[in-house]
Structure formats: structure tokens, C-alpha cells
């Protein structure tokens, strides 16, 4: 019992919370960037532009079927060979944005396809261009359908930040490793603390996403 009490001393909990701050920071930046890039790629794939859509679809499929750990590893250790040396946090953000953009692109494409084709046809018949119809008519409806899936992807993203420990990003899992690396008896308590923190954050996001989906519907 004393071991658990010592493990949960404020200095250790504060250390984990600093890691949580980094986890949430990376997740927020990645989600914003990947949402923008993924939406653009998803629209291109849906639009069936000659050659462009097929190449985009191939890139998306390749990214989605690669392990995120491999992408992180290549970004940090591979890019220096091309003259670009990102620090650990920017490297994690770049790698995770690439991966998440591929995932969100497919979500966006599926969301657009879930909107009745008559919506696009009706908008075009009023004189709107494809871009205008997509922006003002199709996407607002599609994004409503996507909310549960996007929230689920965000939850997965938060958990996936733990993979950035491979390049020593100071997120929650890395911070926990530092704590129990100094005292092996703290290993189990730190894993329990990690489980609680991940659960709380992801559960809150799930509830918010559910409420937002109901509100918009």
C-alpha cells in the first residue's frame, strides 16, 4: 500500500499531467491539420477527377495500410536523410497528420456518398459550381453524418499518441516510463494512472461527440 501511496505522490501525478498536456496539444494540432487535409483529399477522391482522383486514392490507401509506428519512425529518422531534421514533437505531429489525413479522407468520402445524389444535382441545377454545391449543400449534411466517426477517430488519435514514445516525445506514456524507470515498484501504479487518465479524456470526448451529434440531428 505504501508503494502505491508513494507512486501517486503529487510530484509524479504532476509529471503525468504535464505529459497529458503534451498529448492533448499534439492531438489538437493533428486533428485540425488532418481534418483540413483529409477533407480536401476526400473531396478529390469523391470528385473522380481523371487520374488525380485515382492517384489520390492510391496514396490514401497506402497511408491507411501502413502502421502509424512505422510512419513516426520514418519521419524522425528518415527525413534527416533528405535535409529536414524535425524535433520530436514536430516529427510526431507530421507523422500523425499524414496518417490521420488518410483516415479522415476516407471518412469524408464515405460521408459525402451518404448524402443523396439529388442534393448535388439540385444544387448544380440552380447554377452553382461543383465547389459551391459541395461547400454550401453537400458538406454541411455530410459532416453531420460523420460526427460519430470523426469523434471515434479523435479518441483513437489520443490513444495513438502513446506510440510517439519511440522517439521520446514527452507525452503521458513517456512520462510514466520515466517515473517507473526510477522505481520499478511504481510500474503497476503508473499503468493504472495512465489507464484512468486516458479513459477520462476519451470518455469525455465520446460524451461530447454524442451530445453534439444529437444536437445537430
Protein backbone atom coordinates (compact mmCIF):
# COMPACT_ATOMS: atom_id res chain seq x y z
CA UNK A 1 0.00 0.00 0.00
CA UNK A 2 2.83 2.38 0.86
CA UNK A 3 4.28 1.81 -2.61
CA UNK A 4 1.03 2.94 -4.23
CA UNK A 5 0.85 5.98 -1.98
CA UNK A 6 4.40 6.94 -2.88
CA UNK A 7 3.75 6.29 -6.56
CA UNK A 8 0.78 8.65 -6.53
CA UNK A 9 2.72 11.45 -4.84
CA UNK A 10 1.87 14.85 -6.27
CA UNK A 11 5.25 15.21 -7.96
CA UNK A 12 4.58 12.06 -10.01
CA UNK A 13 0.97 12.96 -10.80
CA UNK A 14 2.06 16.44 -11.85
CA UNK A 15 4.67 14.84 -14.11
CA UNK A 16 1.94 12.74 -15.74
CA UNK A 17 -0.32 15.77 -16.15
CA UNK A 18 2.47 17.59 -17.96
CA UNK A 19 2.55 14.62 -20.30
CA UNK A 20 -1.22 14.83 -20.69
CA UNK A 21 -0.83 18.46 -21.71
CA UNK A 22 1.58 17.41 -24.48
CA UNK A 23 -0.75 14.58 -25.51
CA UNK A 24 -3.72 16.94 -25.86
CA UNK A 25 -1.60 19.58 -27.64
CA UNK A 26 -0.38 17.09 -30.24
CA UNK A 27 -3.87 15.62 -30.66
CA UNK A 28 -5.47 19.04 -31.18
CA UNK A 29 -2.91 20.19 -33.76
CA UNK A 30 -3.03 16.88 -35.61
CA UNK A 31 -6.84 16.81 -35.63
CA UNK A 32 -7.10 20.33 -37.07
CA UNK A 33 -4.47 19.74 -39.75
CA UNK A 34 -5.69 16.27 -40.70
CA UNK A 35 -9.31 17.44 -40.82
CA UNK A 36 -8.40 20.14 -43.34
CA UNK A 37 -6.09 17.93 -45.42
CA UNK A 38 -8.32 14.86 -45.12
CA UNK A 39 -11.41 16.81 -46.20
CA UNK A 40 -9.57 18.10 -49.25
CA UNK A 41 -8.30 14.62 -50.18
CA UNK A 42 -11.70 13.05 -49.56
CA UNK A 43 -13.40 15.54 -51.86
CA UNK A 44 -10.81 14.96 -54.58
CA UNK A 45 -11.30 11.20 -54.33
CA UNK A 46 -15.08 11.60 -54.48
CA UNK A 47 -14.94 14.03 -57.42
CA UNK A 48 -13.44 11.38 -59.73
CA UNK A 49 -11.10 13.81 -61.45
CA UNK A 50 -9.28 11.99 -64.25
CA UNK A 51 -6.01 10.47 -62.96
CA UNK A 52 -5.87 12.86 -59.96
CA UNK A 53 -8.58 11.02 -58.01
CA UNK A 54 -7.02 7.64 -58.72
CA UNK A 55 -3.55 8.77 -57.62
CA UNK A 56 -5.05 10.40 -54.52
CA UNK A 57 -6.96 7.22 -53.73
CA UNK A 58 -3.79 5.15 -54.09
CA UNK A 59 -1.88 7.43 -51.72
CA UNK A 60 -4.72 7.30 -49.19
CA UNK A 61 -4.88 3.50 -49.35
CA UNK A 62 -1.11 3.21 -48.86
CA UNK A 63 -1.11 5.54 -45.85
CA UNK A 64 -4.12 3.84 -44.24
CA UNK A 65 -2.49 0.43 -44.50
CA UNK A 66 0.86 1.43 -43.03
CA UNK A 67 1.46 1.13 -39.26
CA UNK A 68 1.49 4.53 -37.59
CA UNK A 69 4.60 3.45 -35.67
CA UNK A 70 6.45 2.98 -38.97
CA UNK A 71 5.39 6.43 -40.21
CA UNK A 72 6.59 8.05 -36.97
CA UNK A 73 9.88 6.16 -37.19
CA UNK A 74 10.43 7.18 -40.82
CA UNK A 75 9.52 10.83 -40.17
CA UNK A 76 12.00 11.25 -37.34
CA UNK A 77 14.83 9.02 -38.53
CA UNK A 78 14.26 9.12 -42.30
CA UNK A 79 13.60 12.79 -43.09
CA UNK A 80 17.10 13.88 -41.91
CA UNK A 81 18.44 11.97 -44.92
CA UNK A 82 16.58 14.49 -47.09
CA UNK A 83 17.93 17.51 -45.23
CA UNK A 84 14.99 18.03 -42.84
CA UNK A 85 15.56 17.41 -39.14
CA UNK A 86 12.36 17.95 -37.12
CA UNK A 87 12.40 17.91 -33.32
CA UNK A 88 10.48 15.12 -31.61
CA UNK A 89 7.15 16.94 -31.20
CA UNK A 90 7.03 18.38 -34.76
CA UNK A 91 8.04 14.93 -36.07
CA UNK A 92 5.19 13.30 -34.16
CA UNK A 93 2.74 15.93 -35.44
CA UNK A 94 3.88 15.46 -39.06
CA UNK A 95 3.72 11.66 -38.89
CA UNK A 96 0.34 11.54 -37.18
CA UNK A 97 -1.09 14.19 -39.51
CA UNK A 98 -0.10 12.08 -42.52
CA UNK A 99 -1.72 9.00 -41.02
CA UNK A 100 -4.87 10.73 -39.75
CA UNK A 101 -5.34 12.63 -43.03
CA UNK A 102 -5.60 9.31 -44.82
CA UNK A 103 -8.13 8.02 -42.31
CA UNK A 104 -10.24 11.18 -42.35
CA UNK A 105 -10.12 11.37 -46.16
CA UNK A 106 -11.90 8.03 -46.30
CA UNK A 107 -14.40 9.14 -43.64
CA UNK A 108 -15.15 12.30 -45.64
CA UNK A 109 -15.55 10.39 -48.88
CA UNK A 110 -17.98 7.98 -47.23
CA UNK A 111 -19.83 10.89 -45.61
CA UNK A 112 -20.27 12.65 -48.95
CA UNK A 113 -21.52 9.46 -50.55
CA UNK A 114 -24.12 9.13 -47.78
CA UNK A 115 -25.77 12.35 -48.97
CA UNK A 116 -28.47 11.74 -51.58
CA UNK A 117 -27.14 12.37 -55.08
CA UNK A 118 -30.17 14.55 -55.75
CA UNK A 119 -28.73 17.16 -53.38
CA UNK A 120 -25.74 17.75 -55.63
CA UNK A 121 -27.85 17.61 -58.78
CA UNK A 122 -30.37 20.06 -57.36
CA UNK A 123 -27.64 22.49 -56.32
CA UNK A 124 -25.98 22.30 -59.73
CA UNK A 125 -29.32 22.91 -61.46
CA UNK A 126 -29.58 26.27 -59.66
CA UNK A 127 -26.35 27.40 -61.30
CA UNK A 128 -23.91 26.52 -58.54
CA UNK A 129 -20.46 25.25 -59.47
CA UNK A 130 -19.28 21.89 -58.14
CA UNK A 131 -17.23 23.65 -55.45
CA UNK A 132 -20.16 25.84 -54.37
CA UNK A 133 -22.58 22.91 -54.27
CA UNK A 134 -20.09 20.91 -52.24
CA UNK A 135 -19.44 23.76 -49.82
CA UNK A 136 -22.95 25.02 -49.22
CA UNK A 137 -25.15 21.96 -49.77
CA UNK A 138 -23.37 18.61 -49.62
CA UNK A 139 -20.63 19.04 -46.99
CA UNK A 140 -22.86 20.55 -44.26
CA UNK A 141 -25.08 17.46 -44.49
CA UNK A 142 -22.17 15.07 -44.85
CA UNK A 143 -20.34 16.39 -41.78
CA UNK A 144 -23.44 15.76 -39.66
CA UNK A 145 -23.29 12.10 -40.67
CA UNK A 146 -19.57 11.97 -39.97
CA UNK A 147 -19.61 13.30 -36.39
CA UNK A 148 -19.72 9.91 -34.59
CA UNK A 149 -16.96 8.51 -36.81
CA UNK A 150 -14.82 11.66 -36.50
CA UNK A 151 -15.14 11.61 -32.71
CA UNK A 152 -14.19 7.93 -32.69
CA UNK A 153 -11.16 8.77 -34.82
CA UNK A 154 -10.18 11.57 -32.43
CA UNK A 155 -10.40 9.16 -29.50
CA UNK A 156 -8.16 6.73 -31.37
CA UNK A 157 -5.77 9.58 -32.15
CA UNK A 158 -5.39 10.46 -28.47
CA UNK A 159 -4.56 6.85 -27.64
CA UNK A 160 -2.19 6.60 -30.61
CA UNK A 161 -0.06 9.45 -29.27
CA UNK A 162 1.44 6.84 -26.93
CA UNK A 163 3.28 5.43 -29.96
CA UNK A 164 5.35 8.62 -30.06
CA UNK A 165 7.35 7.20 -27.15
CA UNK A 166 9.52 5.57 -29.81
CA UNK A 167 11.07 8.99 -30.50
CA UNK A 168 10.90 10.07 -26.82
CA UNK A 169 8.09 12.61 -27.15
CA UNK A 170 7.29 13.74 -23.57
CA UNK A 171 3.63 12.68 -23.69
CA UNK A 172 1.84 10.73 -20.96
CA UNK A 173 3.20 7.26 -21.64
CA UNK A 174 6.77 8.54 -21.90
CA UNK A 175 6.39 10.47 -18.65
CA UNK A 176 5.08 7.34 -16.91
CA UNK A 177 8.06 5.37 -18.20
CA UNK A 178 10.39 7.95 -16.69
CA UNK A 179 8.62 7.67 -13.32
CA UNK A 180 8.70 3.89 -13.06
CA UNK A 181 12.16 3.83 -14.62
CA UNK A 182 13.38 5.45 -11.39
CA UNK A 183 11.50 2.99 -9.19
CA UNK A 184 10.38 -0.37 -10.63
CA UNK A 185 7.78 -0.70 -7.85
CA UNK A 186 5.87 2.18 -9.43
CA UNK A 187 5.30 0.31 -12.71
CA UNK A 188 1.81 -1.02 -11.97
CA UNK A 189 0.57 2.19 -10.28
CA UNK A 190 1.75 4.23 -13.28
CA UNK A 191 -0.07 1.94 -15.70
CA UNK A 192 -3.21 2.31 -13.61
CA UNK A 193 -2.82 6.10 -13.59
CA UNK A 194 -2.35 6.08 -17.39
CA UNK A 195 -5.45 3.94 -17.84
CA UNK A 196 -7.52 6.33 -15.71
CA UNK A 197 -6.29 9.46 -17.50
CA UNK A 198 -6.79 8.00 -20.98
CA UNK A 199 -10.24 6.73 -20.00
CA UNK A 200 -11.37 10.07 -18.55
CA UNK A 201 -10.24 12.09 -21.57
CA UNK A 202 -11.62 9.66 -24.16
CA UNK A 203 -14.89 9.13 -22.26
CA UNK A 204 -15.50 12.89 -22.05
CA UNK A 205 -14.83 13.24 -25.77
CA UNK A 206 -17.23 10.39 -26.53
CA UNK A 207 -19.97 12.05 -24.49
CA UNK A 208 -19.38 15.44 -26.12
CA UNK A 209 -19.44 13.84 -29.56
CA UNK A 210 -22.67 12.00 -28.78
CA UNK A 211 -24.35 15.17 -27.50
CA UNK A 212 -23.13 17.17 -30.50
CA UNK A 213 -24.43 14.53 -32.90
CA UNK A 214 -27.86 14.55 -31.25
CA UNK A 215 -27.94 18.35 -31.25
CA UNK A 216 -27.15 18.62 -34.95
CA UNK A 217 -29.59 15.89 -35.90
